[in-house]
C-alpha cells in the first residue's frame, strides 16, 4: 500500500481507488488466471498510467497477464513528448512484440477470407483485393473496414470505383456523414485537438 501511495501522492482518494483495484485483481487472480487487454495504450491519460504502474509494480498481484497494444507516433517524437507508455517495456517481466504492416499477399488473403465466394464474382473479388491493398497500405483495421464498406455497396462495382467510393478517404467521409450532427461536431473538435479530451 505504501508503494502505491508513493506512486500516486497527489490525491489520497486516487491512491485508495488504485489500492482497491489492485486488491480486486489480486483476489480474482487467486481464483483463476486474469488477462487484462488494453487497446490503443498511447492514448491513456495520467490517471490510467498511474493505475497501470501501480498494478504492474504491486508485489502481491499474482496470476495476471497484461496485454496492451499501442502505436508510436509517425514522426517518432522527442524524449520530452514521448507517450507515457514508453517506459513500460523497460520494466522487468515485460515483453515487446513489434508488428509491422501486412504485406500485400497477406492483405489479399485477408480480403479473400472476408468475401463470400458464392456472392461475389472472381473478377470483382480480385478488384476489391487490389483496391484494399492500395488503400489500406498494410493496415489490418483499414483492410477489414474497407471490405465491409465495399460489401455494403449496391449495384455495379465499376461505377462505384469511378465515383471514388473505393477510396479510404471516401469511406471515412461517408461514415462521418451518417453520424448525427452533434456527433459530427464532436468528432471535428477531437480531430482538431489531436489529443484525448478530458
C-alpha atoms as a PDB file:
ATOM      1  CA  UNK A   1       0.000   0.000   0.000  1.00  0.00           C
ATOM      2  CA  UNK A   2       2.821   2.357   0.864  1.00  0.00           C
ATOM      3  CA  UNK A   3       4.350   1.800  -2.570  1.00  0.00           C
ATOM      4  CA  UNK A   4       1.093   2.674  -4.319  1.00  0.00           C
ATOM      5  CA  UNK A   5       0.700   5.820  -2.223  1.00  0.00           C
ATOM      6  CA  UNK A   6       4.202   6.887  -3.214  1.00  0.00           C
ATOM      7  CA  UNK A   7       3.311   6.315  -6.863  1.00  0.00           C
ATOM      8  CA  UNK A   8       0.208   8.472  -6.519  1.00  0.00           C
ATOM      9  CA  UNK A   9       0.880  11.051  -3.793  1.00  0.00           C
ATOM     10  CA  UNK A  10      -1.204  13.828  -5.368  1.00  0.00           C
ATOM     11  CA  UNK A  11      -4.581  12.525  -4.246  1.00  0.00           C
ATOM     12  CA  UNK A  12      -5.435  10.277  -1.323  1.00  0.00           C
ATOM     13  CA  UNK A  13      -8.747   9.295  -2.935  1.00  0.00           C
ATOM     14  CA  UNK A  14      -6.965   8.205  -6.105  1.00  0.00           C
ATOM     15  CA  UNK A  15      -4.498   6.169  -4.087  1.00  0.00           C
ATOM     16  CA  UNK A  16      -7.315   4.425  -2.228  1.00  0.00           C
ATOM     17  CA  UNK A  17      -9.084   3.667  -5.515  1.00  0.00           C
ATOM     18  CA  UNK A  18      -5.917   2.216  -7.016  1.00  0.00           C
ATOM     19  CA  UNK A  19      -5.353   0.087  -3.914  1.00  0.00           C
ATOM     20  CA  UNK A  20      -8.929  -1.221  -4.128  1.00  0.00           C
ATOM     21  CA  UNK A  21      -8.474  -2.095  -7.803  1.00  0.00           C
ATOM     22  CA  UNK A  22      -5.219  -3.952  -7.116  1.00  0.00           C
ATOM     23  CA  UNK A  23      -6.900  -5.849  -4.304  1.00  0.00           C
ATOM     24  CA  UNK A  24      -9.767  -6.815  -6.606  1.00  0.00           C
ATOM     25  CA  UNK A  25      -7.376  -8.100  -9.263  1.00  0.00           C
ATOM     26  CA  UNK A  26      -5.360  -9.928  -6.607  1.00  0.00           C
ATOM     27  CA  UNK A  27      -8.455 -11.770  -5.328  1.00  0.00           C
ATOM     28  CA  UNK A  28      -9.526 -12.634  -8.881  1.00  0.00           C
ATOM     29  CA  UNK A  29      -6.024 -13.920  -9.616  1.00  0.00           C
ATOM     30  CA  UNK A  30      -6.237 -16.279  -6.677  1.00  0.00           C
ATOM     31  CA  UNK A  31      -9.311 -17.963  -8.170  1.00  0.00           C
ATOM     32  CA  UNK A  32      -8.144 -18.146 -11.787  1.00  0.00           C
ATOM     33  CA  UNK A  33      -5.644 -16.500 -14.165  1.00  0.00           C
ATOM     34  CA  UNK A  34      -6.635 -12.966 -15.151  1.00  0.00           C
ATOM     35  CA  UNK A  35      -5.955 -11.411 -18.559  1.00  0.00           C
ATOM     36  CA  UNK A  36      -6.276  -7.628 -18.922  1.00  0.00           C
ATOM     37  CA  UNK A  37      -6.286  -6.370 -22.533  1.00  0.00           C
ATOM     38  CA  UNK A  38      -5.951  -2.665 -23.318  1.00  0.00           C
ATOM     39  CA  UNK A  39      -6.110  -1.322 -26.858  1.00  0.00           C
ATOM     40  CA  UNK A  40      -4.572   1.992 -28.034  1.00  0.00           C
ATOM     41  CA  UNK A  41      -2.432   2.419 -24.949  1.00  0.00           C
ATOM     42  CA  UNK A  42      -0.836   5.505 -26.494  1.00  0.00           C
ATOM     43  CA  UNK A  43      -3.987   7.484 -25.657  1.00  0.00           C
ATOM     44  CA  UNK A  44      -4.024   6.789 -21.928  1.00  0.00           C
ATOM     45  CA  UNK A  45      -4.155   9.733 -19.545  1.00  0.00           C
ATOM     46  CA  UNK A  46      -2.154  10.332 -16.372  1.00  0.00           C
ATOM     47  CA  UNK A  47      -4.609   8.518 -14.073  1.00  0.00           C
ATOM     48  CA  UNK A  48      -4.672   5.435 -16.304  1.00  0.00           C
ATOM     49  CA  UNK A  49      -0.886   5.381 -16.441  1.00  0.00           C
ATOM     50  CA  UNK A  50      -0.653   5.675 -12.654  1.00  0.00           C
ATOM     51  CA  UNK A  51      -3.151   2.858 -12.181  1.00  0.00           C
ATOM     52  CA  UNK A  52      -1.285   0.523 -14.535  1.00  0.00           C
ATOM     53  CA  UNK A  53       2.000   1.446 -12.911  1.00  0.00           C
ATOM     54  CA  UNK A  54       0.552   0.622  -9.503  1.00  0.00           C
ATOM     55  CA  UNK A  55      -0.824  -2.687 -10.768  1.00  0.00           C
ATOM     56  CA  UNK A  56       2.355  -3.813 -12.523  1.00  0.00           C
ATOM     57  CA  UNK A  57       4.540  -2.853  -9.564  1.00  0.00           C
ATOM     58  CA  UNK A  58       2.297  -4.363  -6.903  1.00  0.00           C
ATOM     59  CA  UNK A  59       4.155  -7.374  -5.419  1.00  0.00           C
ATOM     60  CA  UNK A  60       1.021  -9.222  -4.315  1.00  0.00           C
ATOM     61  CA  UNK A  61      -0.880  -9.407  -7.636  1.00  0.00           C
ATOM     62  CA  UNK A  62      -0.207 -12.927  -8.991  1.00  0.00           C
ATOM     63  CA  UNK A  63      -1.712 -14.694 -11.982  1.00  0.00           C
ATOM     64  CA  UNK A  64      -2.235 -11.540 -14.070  1.00  0.00           C
ATOM     65  CA  UNK A  65      -1.314 -11.156 -17.734  1.00  0.00           C
ATOM     66  CA  UNK A  66      -1.435  -7.611 -19.086  1.00  0.00           C
ATOM     67  CA  UNK A  67      -1.679  -7.382 -22.892  1.00  0.00           C
ATOM     68  CA  UNK A  68      -1.625  -3.921 -24.413  1.00  0.00           C
ATOM     69  CA  UNK A  69      -1.453  -2.649 -27.961  1.00  0.00           C
ATOM     70  CA  UNK A  70      -0.045   0.752 -28.830  1.00  0.00           C
ATOM     71  CA  UNK A  71       1.263   2.728 -31.753  1.00  0.00           C
ATOM     72  CA  UNK A  72       4.258   5.021 -31.934  1.00  0.00           C
ATOM     73  CA  UNK A  73       3.747   8.473 -33.390  1.00  0.00           C
ATOM     74  CA  UNK A  74       4.577   8.754 -37.086  1.00  0.00           C
ATOM     75  CA  UNK A  75       7.274  11.382 -36.569  1.00  0.00           C
ATOM     76  CA  UNK A  76       8.857   9.367 -33.759  1.00  0.00           C
ATOM     77  CA  UNK A  77       8.501  12.273 -31.343  1.00  0.00           C
ATOM     78  CA  UNK A  78      11.093  13.544 -28.911  1.00  0.00           C
ATOM     79  CA  UNK A  79      12.029  12.310 -25.457  1.00  0.00           C
ATOM     80  CA  UNK A  80      10.101  15.202 -23.932  1.00  0.00           C
ATOM     81  CA  UNK A  81       6.941  14.399 -25.862  1.00  0.00           C
ATOM     82  CA  UNK A  82       7.205  10.600 -25.712  1.00  0.00           C
ATOM     83  CA  UNK A  83       3.952   8.960 -24.581  1.00  0.00           C
ATOM     84  CA  UNK A  84       3.855   7.689 -21.008  1.00  0.00           C
ATOM     85  CA  UNK A  85       3.678   4.042 -22.077  1.00  0.00           C
ATOM     86  CA  UNK A  86       7.227   4.200 -23.493  1.00  0.00           C
ATOM     87  CA  UNK A  87       8.576   3.318 -20.041  1.00  0.00           C
ATOM     88  CA  UNK A  88       6.593   0.110 -19.628  1.00  0.00           C
ATOM     89  CA  UNK A  89       8.798  -2.143 -21.806  1.00  0.00           C
ATOM     90  CA  UNK A  90      11.742  -1.298 -19.528  1.00  0.00           C
ATOM     91  CA  UNK A  91      10.067  -2.888 -16.510  1.00  0.00           C
ATOM     92  CA  UNK A  92      11.021  -6.473 -15.512  1.00  0.00           C
ATOM     93  CA  UNK A  93       8.730  -9.154 -16.912  1.00  0.00           C
ATOM     94  CA  UNK A  94       7.572  -7.167 -19.939  1.00  0.00           C
ATOM     95  CA  UNK A  95       7.925  -8.499 -23.459  1.00  0.00           C
ATOM     96  CA  UNK A  96       7.578  -6.323 -26.542  1.00  0.00           C
ATOM     97  CA  UNK A  97       6.316  -7.766 -29.835  1.00  0.00           C
ATOM     98  CA  UNK A  98       6.651  -5.339 -32.717  1.00  0.00           C
ATOM     99  CA  UNK A  99       4.152  -5.767 -35.543  1.00  0.00           C
ATOM    100  CA  UNK A 100       4.694  -4.243 -38.955  1.00  0.00           C
ATOM    101  CA  UNK A 101       2.317  -3.608 -41.812  1.00  0.00           C
ATOM    102  CA  UNK A 102       0.754  -6.574 -43.595  1.00  0.00           C
ATOM    103  CA  UNK A 103       2.464  -7.416 -46.893  1.00  0.00           C
ATOM    104  CA  UNK A 104       0.220  -7.282 -49.999  1.00  0.00           C
ATOM    105  CA  UNK A 105      -0.132 -11.070 -50.233  1.00  0.00           C
ATOM    106  CA  UNK A 106      -1.414 -11.212 -46.644  1.00  0.00           C
ATOM    107  CA  UNK A 107      -3.891  -8.406 -47.319  1.00  0.00           C
ATOM    108  CA  UNK A 108      -5.181 -10.306 -50.362  1.00  0.00           C
ATOM    109  CA  UNK A 109      -5.569 -13.453 -48.258  1.00  0.00           C
ATOM    110  CA  UNK A 110      -7.439 -11.478 -45.591  1.00  0.00           C
ATOM    111  CA  UNK A 111      -9.772  -9.965 -48.179  1.00  0.00           C
ATOM    112  CA  UNK A 112     -10.384 -13.356 -49.770  1.00  0.00           C
ATOM    113  CA  UNK A 113     -11.270 -14.792 -46.381  1.00  0.00           C
ATOM    114  CA  UNK A 114     -13.764 -11.983 -45.697  1.00  0.00           C
ATOM    115  CA  UNK A 115     -15.575 -12.208 -49.040  1.00  0.00           C
ATOM    116  CA  UNK A 116     -18.181 -14.831 -49.809  1.00  0.00           C
ATOM    117  CA  UNK A 117     -17.198 -16.708 -52.972  1.00  0.00           C
ATOM    118  CA  UNK A 118     -20.856 -17.508 -53.718  1.00  0.00           C
ATOM    119  CA  UNK A 119     -21.968 -13.866 -53.595  1.00  0.00           C
ATOM    120  CA  UNK A 120     -19.131 -12.083 -55.399  1.00  0.00           C
ATOM    121  CA  UNK A 121     -17.723 -12.993 -58.791  1.00  0.00           C
ATOM    122  CA  UNK A 122     -13.996 -13.856 -59.015  1.00  0.00           C
ATOM    123  CA  UNK A 123     -13.232 -10.742 -61.090  1.00  0.00           C
ATOM    124  CA  UNK A 124     -14.911  -8.482 -58.503  1.00  0.00           C
ATOM    125  CA  UNK A 125     -13.073 -10.266 -55.704  1.00  0.00           C
ATOM    126  CA  UNK A 126      -9.749  -9.533 -57.395  1.00  0.00           C
ATOM    127  CA  UNK A 127     -10.767  -5.900 -57.938  1.00  0.00           C
ATOM    128  CA  UNK A 128     -11.701  -5.486 -54.277  1.00  0.00           C
ATOM    129  CA  UNK A 129      -8.480  -7.132 -53.142  1.00  0.00           C
ATOM    130  CA  UNK A 130      -6.313  -4.791 -55.220  1.00  0.00           C
ATOM    131  CA  UNK A 131      -8.258  -1.746 -54.019  1.00  0.00           C
ATOM    132  CA  UNK A 132      -7.787  -2.761 -50.393  1.00  0.00           C
ATOM    133  CA  UNK A 133      -4.068  -3.431 -50.939  1.00  0.00           C
ATOM    134  CA  UNK A 134      -3.672   0.074 -52.363  1.00  0.00           C
ATOM    135  CA  UNK A 135      -5.904   1.990 -49.960  1.00  0.00           C
ATOM    136  CA  UNK A 136      -5.252   0.250 -46.643  1.00  0.00           C
ATOM    137  CA  UNK A 137      -1.475   0.302 -47.108  1.00  0.00           C
ATOM    138  CA  UNK A 138      -0.992  -2.811 -44.994  1.00  0.00           C
ATOM    139  CA  UNK A 139      -3.149  -1.642 -42.073  1.00  0.00           C
ATOM    140  CA  UNK A 140      -5.251  -4.647 -40.899  1.00  0.00           C
ATOM    141  CA  UNK A 141      -8.022  -2.487 -39.422  1.00  0.00           C
ATOM    142  CA  UNK A 142      -8.411  -0.422 -42.598  1.00  0.00           C
ATOM    143  CA  UNK A 143      -8.293  -3.601 -44.677  1.00  0.00           C
ATOM    144  CA  UNK A 144     -11.221  -5.158 -42.812  1.00  0.00           C
ATOM    145  CA  UNK A 145     -13.225  -1.920 -42.767  1.00  0.00           C
ATOM    146  CA  UNK A 146     -12.682  -1.344 -46.493  1.00  0.00           C
ATOM    147  CA  UNK A 147     -14.019  -4.829 -47.251  1.00  0.00           C
ATOM    148  CA  UNK A 148     -17.099  -4.274 -45.069  1.00  0.00           C
ATOM    149  CA  UNK A 149     -17.640  -0.890 -46.714  1.00  0.00           C
ATOM    150  CA  UNK A 150     -17.421  -2.268 -50.247  1.00  0.00           C
ATOM    151  CA  UNK A 151     -19.722  -5.194 -49.397  1.00  0.00           C
ATOM    152  CA  UNK A 152     -22.479  -2.769 -48.406  1.00  0.00           C
ATOM    153  CA  UNK A 153     -22.448  -1.091 -51.820  1.00  0.00           C
ATOM    154  CA  UNK A 154     -25.274  -1.769 -54.197  1.00  0.00           C
ATOM    155  CA  UNK A 155     -25.014  -2.093 -57.956  1.00  0.00           C
ATOM    156  CA  UNK A 156     -22.018  -2.061 -60.248  1.00  0.00           C
ATOM    157  CA  UNK A 157     -18.639  -2.020 -58.539  1.00  0.00           C
ATOM    158  CA  UNK A 158     -17.026  -0.333 -61.531  1.00  0.00           C
ATOM    159  CA  UNK A 159     -19.348   2.639 -61.225  1.00  0.00           C
ATOM    160  CA  UNK A 160     -18.734   2.892 -57.519  1.00  0.00           C
ATOM    161  CA  UNK A 161     -15.000   2.843 -58.138  1.00  0.00           C
ATOM    162  CA  UNK A 162     -15.253   5.711 -60.625  1.00  0.00           C
ATOM    163  CA  UNK A 163     -17.230   7.776 -58.092  1.00  0.00           C
ATOM    164  CA  UNK A 164     -14.446   7.464 -55.513  1.00  0.00           C
ATOM    165  CA  UNK A 165     -16.299   5.069 -53.234  1.00  0.00           C
ATOM    166  CA  UNK A 166     -13.300   2.735 -53.341  1.00  0.00           C
ATOM    167  CA  UNK A 167     -11.060   5.277 -51.648  1.00  0.00           C
ATOM    168  CA  UNK A 168     -10.248   5.094 -47.942  1.00  0.00           C
ATOM    169  CA  UNK A 169     -10.951   8.805 -47.620  1.00  0.00           C
ATOM    170  CA  UNK A 170     -14.330   8.327 -49.285  1.00  0.00           C
ATOM    171  CA  UNK A 171     -15.250   5.529 -46.855  1.00  0.00           C
ATOM    172  CA  UNK A 172     -14.363   7.660 -43.833  1.00  0.00           C
ATOM    173  CA  UNK A 173     -16.217  10.720 -45.102  1.00  0.00           C
ATOM    174  CA  UNK A 174     -19.309   8.652 -45.871  1.00  0.00           C
ATOM    175  CA  UNK A 175     -19.350   7.183 -42.366  1.00  0.00           C
ATOM    176  CA  UNK A 176     -18.892  10.615 -40.820  1.00  0.00           C
ATOM    177  CA  UNK A 177     -21.791  11.967 -42.883  1.00  0.00           C
ATOM    178  CA  UNK A 178     -24.055   9.258 -41.437  1.00  0.00           C
ATOM    179  CA  UNK A 179     -23.419  10.407 -37.849  1.00  0.00           C
ATOM    180  CA  UNK A 180     -25.851  12.757 -36.068  1.00  0.00           C
ATOM    181  CA  UNK A 181     -24.941  16.443 -36.281  1.00  0.00           C
ATOM    182  CA  UNK A 182     -23.753  16.671 -32.677  1.00  0.00           C
ATOM    183  CA  UNK A 183     -21.522  13.622 -33.126  1.00  0.00           C
ATOM    184  CA  UNK A 184     -20.004  15.145 -36.263  1.00  0.00           C
ATOM    185  CA  UNK A 185     -19.194  18.376 -34.421  1.00  0.00           C
ATOM    186  CA  UNK A 186     -17.643  16.448 -31.534  1.00  0.00           C
ATOM    187  CA  UNK A 187     -15.550  14.426 -33.986  1.00  0.00           C
ATOM    188  CA  UNK A 188     -14.337  17.651 -35.605  1.00  0.00           C
ATOM    189  CA  UNK A 189     -13.276  19.039 -32.211  1.00  0.00           C
ATOM    190  CA  UNK A 190     -11.405  15.853 -31.281  1.00  0.00           C
ATOM    191  CA  UNK A 191      -9.666  15.790 -34.686  1.00  0.00           C
ATOM    192  CA  UNK A 192      -8.586  19.420 -34.313  1.00  0.00           C
ATOM    193  CA  UNK A 193      -7.355  18.837 -30.763  1.00  0.00           C
ATOM    194  CA  UNK A 194      -5.149  15.944 -31.849  1.00  0.00           C
ATOM    195  CA  UNK A 195      -5.168  14.504 -28.321  1.00  0.00           C
ATOM    196  CA  UNK A 196      -7.754  12.929 -25.991  1.00  0.00           C
ATOM    197  CA  UNK A 197     -10.071  15.452 -24.369  1.00  0.00           C
ATOM    198  CA  UNK A 198     -10.652  15.324 -20.624  1.00  0.00           C
END
